[in-house]
């Protein structure tokens, strides 16, 4: 009788261990399906974008399908660029943010810019929640022209560019690990960021005009 009880006890323990293994495996699978994060790189090529409007001192463009149907909306005016992510509203680029200083997203005479998307895995699909884009800035507020580079972390709009906004600014010249800081800001802030709030300065600042 005692031996039978022990055998049943061992069998019960085996079942519990097996169930625990299945639960752990299921939890790990769920985590792998929803918890993975990675960077996806694309290029903004102005030549492949559609011109939506032309202004006296600039224009706006629509760059469709840059990543899995997520679109890039560009606008330039007063020597500053505005970029948002999502669909245009009524064929027009919605109001977007820019930096106070003069800026461009294109280096030199190029019309191509590298864009980093931070995305998380949901099942078999990668869903972007933030972007990181380098802005080349300049200012003559001090009496002499000062140039810099700022990594702008933006929230990706769910449906339209109207719910896309700047989340954080990283001074690329003041921080040796600027790219890592920008990714950290994207991962920590972008998903739940309230677009009614002001963007935060992440890391050291003061070397690049913002």
N, C-alpha and C. Protein backbone atom coordinates (compact mmCIF):
# COMPACT_ATOMS: atom_id res chain seq x y z
N UNK A 1 0.84 -1.21 0.00
CA UNK A 1 0.00 0.00 0.00
C UNK A 1 0.87 1.25 0.00
N UNK A 2 1.89 1.21 0.81
CA UNK A 2 2.79 2.36 0.88
C UNK A 2 3.48 2.58 -0.46
N UNK A 3 3.93 1.51 -1.08
CA UNK A 3 4.62 1.62 -2.35
C UNK A 3 3.69 2.19 -3.43
N UNK A 4 2.43 1.78 -3.41
CA UNK A 4 1.47 2.30 -4.39
C UNK A 4 1.27 3.80 -4.20
N UNK A 5 1.17 4.22 -2.95
CA UNK A 5 1.00 5.64 -2.66
C UNK A 5 2.19 6.44 -3.16
N UNK A 6 3.39 5.90 -2.93
CA UNK A 6 4.60 6.56 -3.40
C UNK A 6 4.62 6.64 -4.92
N UNK A 7 4.20 5.55 -5.56
CA UNK A 7 4.20 5.54 -7.02
C UNK A 7 3.23 6.57 -7.56
N UNK A 8 2.05 6.63 -6.92
CA UNK A 8 1.09 7.62 -7.36
C UNK A 8 1.61 9.03 -7.13
N UNK A 9 2.31 9.20 -5.98
CA UNK A 9 2.90 10.51 -5.69
C UNK A 9 3.91 10.89 -6.74
N UNK A 10 4.77 9.93 -7.13
CA UNK A 10 5.77 10.21 -8.15
C UNK A 10 5.09 10.53 -9.48
N UNK A 11 4.02 9.82 -9.79
CA UNK A 11 3.29 10.07 -11.05
C UNK A 11 2.68 11.47 -11.04
N UNK A 12 2.11 11.83 -9.84
CA UNK A 12 1.51 13.16 -9.73
C UNK A 12 2.55 14.24 -9.92
N UNK A 13 3.73 14.04 -9.31
CA UNK A 13 4.81 15.01 -9.46
C UNK A 13 5.22 15.14 -10.92
N UNK A 14 5.28 13.96 -11.60
CA UNK A 14 5.65 13.97 -13.01
C UNK A 14 4.65 14.76 -13.84
N UNK A 15 3.35 14.58 -13.51
CA UNK A 15 2.33 15.32 -14.24
C UNK A 15 2.46 16.81 -14.01
N UNK A 16 2.70 17.19 -12.72
CA UNK A 16 2.85 18.60 -12.39
C UNK A 16 4.05 19.22 -13.10
N UNK A 17 5.16 18.47 -13.13
CA UNK A 17 6.35 18.96 -13.81
C UNK A 17 6.07 19.12 -15.30
N UNK A 18 5.35 18.14 -15.87
CA UNK A 18 5.01 18.22 -17.28
C UNK A 18 4.13 19.43 -17.58
N UNK A 19 3.14 19.66 -16.70
CA UNK A 19 2.26 20.82 -16.89
C UNK A 19 3.03 22.12 -16.75
N UNK A 20 3.94 22.15 -15.77
CA UNK A 20 4.75 23.35 -15.58
C UNK A 20 5.60 23.62 -16.80
N UNK A 21 6.13 22.54 -17.40
CA UNK A 21 6.93 22.69 -18.61
C UNK A 21 6.12 23.24 -19.76
N UNK A 22 4.88 22.72 -19.88
CA UNK A 22 4.01 23.20 -20.96
C UNK A 22 3.65 24.66 -20.76
N UNK A 23 3.35 25.04 -19.49
CA UNK A 23 3.01 26.43 -19.21
C UNK A 23 4.19 27.34 -19.50
N UNK A 24 5.38 26.90 -19.06
CA UNK A 24 6.58 27.70 -19.30
C UNK A 24 6.85 27.84 -20.78
N UNK A 25 6.69 26.73 -21.51
CA UNK A 25 6.92 26.77 -22.95
C UNK A 25 5.91 27.69 -23.63
N UNK A 26 4.63 27.60 -23.15
CA UNK A 26 3.62 28.48 -23.73
C UNK A 26 3.90 29.93 -23.45
N UNK A 27 4.36 30.22 -22.21
CA UNK A 27 4.71 31.60 -21.86
C UNK A 27 5.87 32.11 -22.68
N UNK A 28 6.87 31.25 -22.88
CA UNK A 28 8.03 31.65 -23.68
C UNK A 28 7.63 31.90 -25.12
N UNK A 29 6.72 31.04 -25.63
CA UNK A 29 6.27 31.23 -27.01
C UNK A 29 5.51 32.54 -27.16
N UNK A 30 4.66 32.84 -26.14
CA UNK A 30 3.91 34.09 -26.19
C UNK A 30 4.84 35.28 -26.12
N UNK A 31 5.87 35.19 -25.26
CA UNK A 31 6.83 36.27 -25.16
C UNK A 31 7.58 36.46 -26.47
N UNK A 32 7.97 35.34 -27.09
CA UNK A 32 8.69 35.43 -28.35
C UNK A 32 7.80 36.04 -29.43
N UNK A 33 6.50 35.77 -29.33
CA UNK A 33 5.59 36.27 -30.35
C UNK A 33 5.31 37.76 -30.19
N UNK A 34 5.37 38.26 -28.94
CA UNK A 34 4.96 39.65 -28.73
C UNK A 34 6.05 40.53 -28.13
N UNK A 35 7.12 39.94 -27.62
CA UNK A 35 8.09 40.74 -26.89
C UNK A 35 9.36 41.09 -27.65
N UNK A 36 9.54 40.56 -28.83
CA UNK A 36 10.76 40.85 -29.59
C UNK A 36 10.72 42.25 -30.18
N UNK A 37 11.85 42.92 -30.13
CA UNK A 37 11.98 44.26 -30.68
C UNK A 37 13.21 44.30 -31.58
N UNK A 38 13.10 45.00 -32.69
CA UNK A 38 14.26 45.13 -33.57
C UNK A 38 14.18 46.42 -34.36
N UNK A 39 15.29 46.77 -35.00
CA UNK A 39 15.33 47.93 -35.89
C UNK A 39 15.19 47.47 -37.33
N UNK A 40 14.41 48.21 -38.09
CA UNK A 40 14.27 47.97 -39.53
C UNK A 40 14.68 49.26 -40.24
N UNK A 41 15.53 49.14 -41.24
CA UNK A 41 16.07 50.32 -41.90
C UNK A 41 15.49 50.47 -43.30
N UNK A 42 15.05 51.68 -43.61
CA UNK A 42 14.57 52.00 -44.95
C UNK A 42 15.19 53.33 -45.38
N UNK A 43 14.90 53.71 -46.61
CA UNK A 43 15.45 54.96 -47.15
C UNK A 43 14.33 55.87 -47.63
N UNK A 44 14.37 57.11 -47.21
CA UNK A 44 13.47 58.12 -47.77
C UNK A 44 14.13 58.65 -49.04
N UNK A 45 13.53 58.38 -50.16
CA UNK A 45 14.06 58.83 -51.45
C UNK A 45 13.06 59.83 -52.05
N UNK A 46 13.43 61.08 -52.02
CA UNK A 46 12.51 62.13 -52.44
C UNK A 46 12.04 61.95 -53.89
N UNK A 47 12.88 61.35 -54.72
CA UNK A 47 12.51 61.15 -56.13
C UNK A 47 11.36 60.15 -56.28
N UNK A 48 11.19 59.28 -55.31
CA UNK A 48 10.12 58.29 -55.40
C UNK A 48 8.86 58.73 -54.65
N UNK A 49 8.87 59.92 -54.09
CA UNK A 49 7.72 60.43 -53.34
C UNK A 49 6.82 61.28 -54.24
N UNK A 50 5.56 61.33 -53.90
CA UNK A 50 4.59 62.11 -54.67
C UNK A 50 4.45 63.50 -54.06
N UNK A 51 4.55 64.53 -54.89
CA UNK A 51 4.37 65.91 -54.42
C UNK A 51 2.89 66.18 -54.19
N UNK A 52 2.54 66.57 -52.97
CA UNK A 52 1.15 66.86 -52.63
C UNK A 52 0.81 68.32 -52.80
N UNK A 53 1.70 69.19 -52.34
CA UNK A 53 1.48 70.62 -52.42
C UNK A 53 2.81 71.33 -52.65
N UNK A 54 2.73 72.50 -53.25
CA UNK A 54 3.91 73.35 -53.40
C UNK A 54 3.62 74.70 -52.76
N UNK A 55 4.59 75.19 -52.00
CA UNK A 55 4.45 76.47 -51.33
C UNK A 55 5.46 77.45 -51.90
N UNK A 56 5.36 78.68 -51.46
CA UNK A 56 6.30 79.70 -51.91
C UNK A 56 7.72 79.38 -51.46
N UNK A 57 7.83 78.80 -50.26
CA UNK A 57 9.17 78.51 -49.74
C UNK A 57 9.37 77.03 -49.45
N UNK A 58 8.59 76.15 -50.10
CA UNK A 58 8.76 74.72 -49.85
C UNK A 58 7.71 73.88 -50.52
N UNK A 59 7.51 72.68 -50.00
CA UNK A 59 6.55 71.75 -50.59
C UNK A 59 6.24 70.64 -49.58
N UNK A 60 5.30 69.78 -49.93
CA UNK A 60 5.01 68.60 -49.11
C UNK A 60 4.96 67.38 -50.01
N UNK A 61 5.34 66.24 -49.45
CA UNK A 61 5.44 65.00 -50.22
C UNK A 61 4.82 63.84 -49.46
N UNK A 62 4.39 62.86 -50.22
CA UNK A 62 3.81 61.63 -49.67
C UNK A 62 4.65 60.46 -50.19
N UNK A 63 5.26 59.73 -49.26
CA UNK A 63 6.11 58.58 -49.63
C UNK A 63 5.41 57.31 -49.16
N UNK A 64 4.64 56.64 -50.01
CA UNK A 64 3.82 55.50 -49.59
C UNK A 64 4.62 54.22 -49.38
N UNK A 65 4.09 53.41 -48.46
CA UNK A 65 4.59 52.05 -48.29
C UNK A 65 6.06 51.92 -47.97
N UNK A 66 6.60 52.81 -47.15
CA UNK A 66 8.01 52.72 -46.81
C UNK A 66 8.31 51.44 -46.03
N UNK A 67 7.39 51.04 -45.14
CA UNK A 67 7.53 49.79 -44.41
C UNK A 67 6.14 49.21 -44.13
N UNK A 68 5.84 48.08 -44.71
CA UNK A 68 4.60 47.36 -44.45
C UNK A 68 3.36 48.26 -44.45
N UNK A 69 3.29 49.17 -45.41
CA UNK A 69 2.11 50.02 -45.50
C UNK A 69 2.15 51.28 -44.68
N UNK A 70 3.17 51.45 -43.87
CA UNK A 70 3.30 52.69 -43.10
C UNK A 70 3.97 53.75 -43.97
N UNK A 71 3.32 54.89 -44.08
CA UNK A 71 3.77 55.92 -45.02
C UNK A 71 4.54 57.03 -44.32
N UNK A 72 5.39 57.70 -45.07
CA UNK A 72 6.16 58.84 -44.58
C UNK A 72 5.61 60.10 -45.24
N UNK A 73 5.33 61.11 -44.43
CA UNK A 73 4.79 62.37 -44.91
C UNK A 73 5.82 63.46 -44.64
N UNK A 74 6.24 64.14 -45.69
CA UNK A 74 7.27 65.17 -45.57
C UNK A 74 6.69 66.54 -45.90
N UNK A 75 7.22 67.56 -45.23
CA UNK A 75 6.86 68.92 -45.55
C UNK A 75 8.07 69.80 -45.26
N UNK A 76 8.35 70.75 -46.16
CA UNK A 76 9.47 71.66 -45.97
C UNK A 76 8.98 73.10 -46.12
N UNK A 77 9.43 73.95 -45.22
CA UNK A 77 9.09 75.36 -45.29
C UNK A 77 9.94 76.16 -44.32
N UNK A 78 10.29 77.38 -44.68
CA UNK A 78 11.09 78.25 -43.82
C UNK A 78 12.41 77.57 -43.43
N UNK A 79 13.00 76.83 -44.37
CA UNK A 79 14.28 76.15 -44.17
C UNK A 79 14.23 75.13 -43.03
N UNK A 80 13.06 74.48 -42.89
CA UNK A 80 12.89 73.45 -41.87
C UNK A 80 12.06 72.31 -42.43
N UNK A 81 12.35 71.09 -41.94
CA UNK A 81 11.62 69.90 -42.38
C UNK A 81 10.67 69.42 -41.29
N UNK A 82 9.51 68.96 -41.72
CA UNK A 82 8.54 68.33 -40.84
C UNK A 82 8.26 66.94 -41.39
N UNK A 83 8.33 65.94 -40.54
CA UNK A 83 8.13 64.55 -40.96
C UNK A 83 7.16 63.87 -40.00
N UNK A 84 6.16 63.20 -40.54
CA UNK A 84 5.24 62.41 -39.73
C UNK A 84 5.02 61.07 -40.43
N UNK A 85 4.36 60.17 -39.72
CA UNK A 85 4.26 58.79 -40.20
C UNK A 85 2.82 58.31 -40.08
N UNK A 86 2.24 57.90 -41.20
CA UNK A 86 0.86 57.47 -41.25
C UNK A 86 0.25 57.83 -42.59
N UNK A 87 -1.05 57.97 -42.65
CA UNK A 87 -1.74 58.31 -43.90
C UNK A 87 -2.04 59.81 -43.95
N UNK A 88 -1.99 60.43 -45.14
CA UNK A 88 -2.36 61.83 -45.24
C UNK A 88 -3.86 62.01 -44.99
N UNK A 89 -4.23 63.17 -44.50
CA UNK A 89 -5.63 63.47 -44.22
C UNK A 89 -6.19 64.30 -45.37
N UNK A 90 -7.22 63.76 -46.06
CA UNK A 90 -7.82 64.45 -47.21
C UNK A 90 -6.77 64.83 -48.26
N UNK A 91 -5.80 63.96 -48.44
CA UNK A 91 -4.77 64.19 -49.45
C UNK A 91 -3.73 65.21 -49.05
N UNK A 92 -3.79 65.71 -47.81
CA UNK A 92 -2.84 66.72 -47.36
C UNK A 92 -2.02 66.19 -46.19
N UNK A 93 -0.79 66.68 -46.11
CA UNK A 93 0.05 66.32 -44.98
C UNK A 93 -0.44 67.06 -43.75
N UNK A 94 -0.71 66.37 -42.65
CA UNK A 94 -1.18 67.06 -41.45
C UNK A 94 -0.07 67.90 -40.83
N UNK A 95 -0.46 68.81 -39.95
CA UNK A 95 0.52 69.63 -39.27
C UNK A 95 1.51 68.72 -38.55
N UNK A 96 2.76 69.01 -38.69
CA UNK A 96 3.79 68.19 -38.03
C UNK A 96 4.79 69.11 -37.36
N UNK A 97 5.60 68.50 -36.50
CA UNK A 97 6.58 69.27 -35.74
C UNK A 97 7.90 69.38 -36.47
N UNK A 98 8.66 70.37 -36.06
CA UNK A 98 10.03 70.50 -36.53
C UNK A 98 10.86 71.07 -35.40
N UNK A 99 12.14 71.22 -35.62
CA UNK A 99 13.02 71.83 -34.63
C UNK A 99 13.01 73.35 -34.81
N UNK A 100 13.34 74.07 -33.75
CA UNK A 100 13.37 75.53 -33.84
C UNK A 100 14.47 76.01 -34.79
N UNK A 101 15.59 75.32 -34.78
CA UNK A 101 16.72 75.72 -35.63
C UNK A 101 16.45 75.35 -37.08
N UNK A 102 17.17 75.99 -38.01
CA UNK A 102 17.10 75.60 -39.41
C UNK A 102 17.54 74.14 -39.50
N UNK A 103 16.89 73.37 -40.38
CA UNK A 103 17.25 71.95 -40.44
C UNK A 103 16.87 71.32 -41.76
N UNK A 104 17.47 70.18 -42.01
CA UNK A 104 17.13 69.34 -43.16
C UNK A 104 17.39 67.90 -42.77
N UNK A 105 16.70 66.98 -43.42
CA UNK A 105 16.96 65.56 -43.17
C UNK A 105 17.91 64.98 -44.21
N UNK A 106 18.30 65.80 -45.17
CA UNK A 106 19.18 65.35 -46.25
C UNK A 106 20.57 65.94 -46.07
N UNK A 107 21.58 65.10 -46.21
CA UNK A 107 22.95 65.54 -46.03
C UNK A 107 23.50 66.10 -47.34
N UNK A 108 24.08 67.29 -47.28
CA UNK A 108 24.67 67.89 -48.46
C UNK A 108 23.65 68.10 -49.56
N UNK A 109 23.98 67.65 -50.76
CA UNK A 109 23.09 67.79 -51.91
C UNK A 109 22.26 66.54 -52.17
N UNK A 110 22.28 65.61 -51.23
CA UNK A 110 21.55 64.36 -51.40
C UNK A 110 20.05 64.57 -51.23
N UNK A 111 19.25 63.71 -51.85
CA UNK A 111 17.81 63.72 -51.61
C UNK A 111 17.35 62.36 -51.06
N UNK A 112 18.28 61.69 -50.37
CA UNK A 112 18.00 60.41 -49.74
C UNK A 112 18.41 60.48 -48.27
N UNK A 113 17.58 59.90 -47.41
CA UNK A 113 17.86 59.90 -45.98
C UNK A 113 17.58 58.53 -45.39
N UNK A 114 18.45 58.06 -44.50
CA UNK A 114 18.27 56.77 -43.85
C UNK A 114 17.28 56.92 -42.69
N UNK A 115 16.35 55.99 -42.60
CA UNK A 115 15.32 56.03 -41.57
C UNK A 115 15.33 54.72 -40.80
N UNK A 116 15.39 54.82 -39.47
CA UNK A 116 15.37 53.63 -38.62
C UNK A 116 14.01 53.52 -37.95
N UNK A 117 13.38 52.36 -38.10
CA UNK A 117 12.11 52.07 -37.45
C UNK A 117 12.35 51.13 -36.28
N UNK A 118 11.75 51.41 -35.14
CA UNK A 118 11.75 50.46 -34.02
C UNK A 118 10.42 49.73 -34.07
N UNK A 119 10.47 48.41 -34.13
CA UNK A 119 9.27 47.61 -34.32
C UNK A 119 9.25 46.44 -33.35
N UNK A 120 8.04 46.03 -32.97
CA UNK A 120 7.88 44.87 -32.10
C UNK A 120 7.10 43.78 -32.83
N UNK A 121 7.41 42.56 -32.49
CA UNK A 121 6.78 41.43 -33.16
C UNK A 121 5.45 41.08 -32.51
N UNK A 122 4.43 40.97 -33.33
CA UNK A 122 3.12 40.51 -32.89
C UNK A 122 2.73 39.35 -33.78
N UNK A 123 2.94 38.15 -33.27
CA UNK A 123 2.73 36.97 -34.10
C UNK A 123 3.78 36.92 -35.19
N UNK A 124 3.35 36.91 -36.44
CA UNK A 124 4.29 36.87 -37.55
C UNK A 124 4.53 38.24 -38.16
N UNK A 125 3.97 39.28 -37.53
CA UNK A 125 4.03 40.62 -38.10
C UNK A 125 4.88 41.54 -37.22
N UNK A 126 5.66 42.41 -37.87
CA UNK A 126 6.43 43.42 -37.15
C UNK A 126 5.70 44.75 -37.24
N UNK A 127 5.35 45.31 -36.09
CA UNK A 127 4.58 46.55 -36.02
C UNK A 127 5.49 47.68 -35.53
N UNK A 128 5.71 48.72 -36.34
CA UNK A 128 6.56 49.83 -35.91
C UNK A 128 5.83 50.73 -34.92
N UNK A 129 6.54 51.18 -33.90
CA UNK A 129 5.96 52.10 -32.92
C UNK A 129 6.76 53.40 -32.82
N UNK A 130 7.95 53.44 -33.42
CA UNK A 130 8.77 54.66 -33.36
C UNK A 130 9.74 54.69 -34.54
N UNK A 131 10.21 55.90 -34.84
CA UNK A 131 11.26 56.06 -35.86
C UNK A 131 12.37 56.91 -35.28
N UNK A 132 13.54 56.77 -35.88
CA UNK A 132 14.70 57.59 -35.52
C UNK A 132 15.25 58.17 -36.82
N UNK A 133 15.29 59.49 -36.89
CA UNK A 133 15.71 60.17 -38.11
C UNK A 133 16.71 61.28 -37.75
N UNK A 134 17.81 61.33 -38.49
CA UNK A 134 18.85 62.33 -38.22
C UNK A 134 18.51 63.65 -38.93
N UNK A 135 18.51 64.71 -38.15
CA UNK A 135 18.32 66.06 -38.68
C UNK A 135 19.66 66.80 -38.65
N UNK A 136 19.98 67.47 -39.74
CA UNK A 136 21.18 68.30 -39.81
C UNK A 136 20.74 69.73 -39.52
N UNK A 137 21.23 70.29 -38.41
CA UNK A 137 20.72 71.57 -37.93
C UNK A 137 21.76 72.68 -38.03
N UNK A 138 21.27 73.91 -38.02
CA UNK A 138 22.17 75.07 -38.05
C UNK A 138 21.45 76.27 -37.43
N UNK A 139 22.24 77.17 -36.84
CA UNK A 139 21.68 78.36 -36.20
C UNK A 139 22.73 79.46 -36.18
N UNK A 140 22.26 80.69 -36.36
CA UNK A 140 23.16 81.84 -36.27
C UNK A 140 22.76 82.74 -35.11
N UNK A 141 22.10 82.17 -34.12
CA UNK A 141 21.62 82.94 -32.98
C UNK A 141 22.76 83.56 -32.17
N UNK A 142 23.92 82.93 -32.21
CA UNK A 142 25.05 83.41 -31.43
C UNK A 142 25.90 84.43 -32.20
N UNK A 143 25.47 84.77 -33.40
CA UNK A 143 26.23 85.71 -34.23
C UNK A 143 27.11 85.02 -35.23
N UNK A 144 27.27 83.72 -35.10
CA UNK A 144 28.01 82.92 -36.08
C UNK A 144 27.27 81.62 -36.32
N UNK A 145 27.40 81.10 -37.52
CA UNK A 145 26.66 79.89 -37.88
C UNK A 145 27.22 78.67 -37.15
N UNK A 146 26.35 77.97 -36.45
CA UNK A 146 26.72 76.76 -35.72
C UNK A 146 25.94 75.60 -36.32
N UNK A 147 26.63 74.51 -36.63
CA UNK A 147 26.00 73.34 -37.24
C UNK A 147 25.98 72.18 -36.26
N UNK A 148 25.01 71.31 -36.40
CA UNK A 148 24.92 70.15 -35.52
C UNK A 148 24.11 69.03 -36.15
N UNK A 149 23.92 67.98 -35.37
CA UNK A 149 23.12 66.84 -35.81
C UNK A 149 22.28 66.36 -34.63
N UNK A 150 21.00 66.19 -34.86
CA UNK A 150 20.07 65.78 -33.81
C UNK A 150 19.29 64.55 -34.29
N UNK A 151 19.27 63.51 -33.46
CA UNK A 151 18.46 62.34 -33.75
C UNK A 151 17.06 62.59 -33.18
N UNK A 152 16.07 62.62 -34.05
CA UNK A 152 14.70 62.88 -33.64
C UNK A 152 13.96 61.55 -33.54
N UNK A 153 13.47 61.26 -32.35
CA UNK A 153 12.67 60.05 -32.11
C UNK A 153 11.21 60.44 -32.22
N UNK A 154 10.48 59.77 -33.10
CA UNK A 154 9.06 60.09 -33.32
C UNK A 154 8.18 58.89 -33.05
N UNK A 155 6.97 59.17 -32.61
CA UNK A 155 5.95 58.14 -32.45
C UNK A 155 5.30 57.88 -33.81
N UNK A 156 5.08 56.64 -34.14
CA UNK A 156 4.45 56.29 -35.42
C UNK A 156 2.94 56.31 -35.26
N UNK A 157 2.27 57.02 -36.16
CA UNK A 157 0.81 57.09 -36.11
C UNK A 157 0.17 55.75 -36.40
N UNK A 158 -0.88 55.43 -35.68
CA UNK A 158 -1.57 54.16 -35.87
C UNK A 158 -2.33 54.14 -37.19
N UNK A 159 -3.03 55.25 -37.48
CA UNK A 159 -3.84 55.30 -38.70
C UNK A 159 -3.44 56.46 -39.60
N UNK A 160 -3.33 57.64 -39.05
CA UNK A 160 -2.99 58.80 -39.86
C UNK A 160 -1.79 59.52 -39.27
N UNK A 161 -1.19 60.38 -40.06
CA UNK A 161 -0.06 61.14 -39.59
C UNK A 161 -0.43 62.10 -38.47
N UNK A 162 -1.74 62.30 -38.25
CA UNK A 162 -2.19 63.22 -37.21
C UNK A 162 -1.83 62.73 -35.81
N UNK A 163 -1.64 61.42 -35.64
CA UNK A 163 -1.28 60.91 -34.32
C UNK A 163 0.19 60.49 -34.25
N UNK A 164 1.00 61.12 -35.09
CA UNK A 164 2.45 60.94 -35.06
C UNK A 164 3.07 62.22 -34.51
N UNK A 165 4.07 62.08 -33.64
CA UNK A 165 4.67 63.28 -33.04
C UNK A 165 6.09 63.01 -32.57
N UNK A 166 6.82 64.09 -32.31
CA UNK A 166 8.17 63.98 -31.75
C UNK A 166 8.08 63.51 -30.30
N UNK A 167 8.96 62.59 -29.96
CA UNK A 167 9.01 62.05 -28.60
C UNK A 167 10.25 62.54 -27.86
N UNK A 168 11.40 62.47 -28.52
CA UNK A 168 12.65 62.82 -27.86
C UNK A 168 13.68 63.31 -28.86
N UNK A 169 14.63 64.12 -28.35
CA UNK A 169 15.74 64.63 -29.15
C UNK A 169 17.06 64.18 -28.51
N UNK A 170 17.96 63.68 -29.34
CA UNK A 170 19.28 63.26 -28.88
C UNK A 170 20.33 64.04 -29.66
N UNK A 171 21.14 64.81 -28.96
CA UNK A 171 22.22 65.58 -29.58
C UNK A 171 23.33 64.63 -29.99
N UNK A 172 23.46 64.42 -31.29
CA UNK A 172 24.42 63.44 -31.80
C UNK A 172 25.87 63.86 -31.56
N UNK A 173 26.12 65.15 -31.48
CA UNK A 173 27.48 65.63 -31.26
C UNK A 173 27.87 65.60 -29.79
N UNK A 174 26.89 65.67 -28.90
CA UNK A 174 27.18 65.71 -27.47
C UNK A 174 27.23 64.33 -26.83
N UNK A 175 26.71 63.31 -27.53
CA UNK A 175 26.65 61.96 -26.97
C UNK A 175 27.34 60.96 -27.90
N UNK A 176 28.36 60.29 -27.39
CA UNK A 176 29.07 59.29 -28.19
C UNK A 176 28.17 58.11 -28.54
N UNK A 177 27.26 57.80 -27.63
CA UNK A 177 26.34 56.67 -27.84
C UNK A 177 24.97 57.16 -28.27
N UNK A 178 24.94 58.15 -29.16
CA UNK A 178 23.68 58.80 -29.54
C UNK A 178 22.67 57.81 -30.14
N UNK A 179 23.11 56.91 -30.99
CA UNK A 179 22.19 55.96 -31.61
C UNK A 179 21.55 55.04 -30.58
N UNK A 180 22.37 54.56 -29.64
CA UNK A 180 21.85 53.69 -28.58
C UNK A 180 20.87 54.46 -27.69
N UNK A 181 21.18 55.71 -27.39
CA UNK A 181 20.28 56.54 -26.58
C UNK A 181 18.95 56.75 -27.29
N UNK A 182 19.01 56.99 -28.60
CA UNK A 182 17.79 57.21 -29.36
C UNK A 182 16.92 55.95 -29.35
N UNK A 183 17.53 54.78 -29.48
CA UNK A 183 16.76 53.53 -29.44
C UNK A 183 16.14 53.33 -28.06
N UNK A 184 16.90 53.66 -27.02
CA UNK A 184 16.39 53.53 -25.66
C UNK A 184 15.20 54.46 -25.45
N UNK A 185 15.30 55.69 -25.93
CA UNK A 185 14.20 56.63 -25.81
C UNK A 185 12.97 56.12 -26.56
N UNK A 186 13.18 55.58 -27.75
CA UNK A 186 12.07 55.03 -28.54
C UNK A 186 11.39 53.89 -27.80
N UNK A 187 12.19 52.98 -27.26
CA UNK A 187 11.64 51.80 -26.61
C UNK A 187 10.94 52.14 -25.29
N UNK A 188 11.45 53.12 -24.57
CA UNK A 188 10.90 53.44 -23.25
C UNK A 188 9.72 54.41 -23.32
N UNK A 189 9.70 55.29 -24.32
CA UNK A 189 8.73 56.39 -24.30
C UNK A 189 7.67 56.36 -25.40
N UNK A 190 8.02 55.89 -26.58
CA UNK A 190 7.17 56.12 -27.75
C UNK A 190 5.78 55.49 -27.67
N UNK A 191 5.70 54.26 -27.18
CA UNK A 191 4.41 53.55 -27.23
C UNK A 191 3.31 54.29 -26.46
N UNK A 192 3.66 54.86 -25.33
CA UNK A 192 2.65 55.49 -24.48
C UNK A 192 2.77 57.01 -24.44
N UNK A 193 3.57 57.59 -25.33
CA UNK A 193 3.81 59.03 -25.27
C UNK A 193 2.55 59.82 -25.63
N UNK A 194 2.28 60.85 -24.84
CA UNK A 194 1.15 61.74 -25.08
C UNK A 194 1.61 62.86 -26.01
N UNK A 195 1.05 62.91 -27.21
CA UNK A 195 1.50 63.88 -28.20
C UNK A 195 1.13 65.32 -27.83
N UNK A 196 0.37 65.52 -26.77
CA UNK A 196 0.08 66.87 -26.30
C UNK A 196 1.23 67.43 -25.46
N UNK A 197 2.16 66.55 -25.09
CA UNK A 197 3.30 66.97 -24.28
C UNK A 197 4.49 67.36 -25.16
N UNK A 198 5.42 68.10 -24.57
CA UNK A 198 6.62 68.50 -25.28
C UNK A 198 7.60 67.34 -25.37
N UNK A 199 8.35 67.21 -26.46
CA UNK A 199 9.38 66.17 -26.55
C UNK A 199 10.44 66.38 -25.46
N UNK A 200 11.09 65.30 -25.06
CA UNK A 200 12.12 65.39 -24.02
C UNK A 200 13.50 65.37 -24.67
N UNK A 201 14.46 66.00 -24.02
CA UNK A 201 15.85 65.93 -24.47
C UNK A 201 16.49 64.75 -23.74
N UNK A 202 16.99 63.80 -24.50
CA UNK A 202 17.53 62.56 -23.95
C UNK A 202 19.05 62.61 -24.01
N UNK A 203 19.71 62.45 -22.87
CA UNK A 203 21.17 62.50 -22.85
C UNK A 203 21.68 63.93 -22.71
N UNK A 204 22.94 64.13 -23.02
CA UNK A 204 23.56 65.44 -22.94
C UNK A 204 23.13 66.29 -24.12
N UNK A 205 23.21 67.62 -23.95
CA UNK A 205 22.85 68.52 -25.04
C UNK A 205 23.76 69.74 -25.01
N UNK A 206 23.64 70.59 -26.04
CA UNK A 206 24.41 71.81 -26.07
C UNK A 206 25.42 71.92 -27.20
N UNK A 207 25.67 70.81 -27.89
CA UNK A 207 26.62 70.83 -28.99
C UNK A 207 25.93 71.10 -30.32
N UNK A 208 24.67 70.73 -30.43
CA UNK A 208 23.93 70.90 -31.68
C UNK A 208 22.73 71.82 -31.46
N UNK A 209 22.50 72.76 -32.38
CA UNK A 209 21.29 73.57 -32.29
C UNK A 209 20.06 72.71 -32.42
N UNK A 210 19.05 72.99 -31.63
CA UNK A 210 17.78 72.27 -31.69
C UNK A 210 16.63 73.24 -31.93
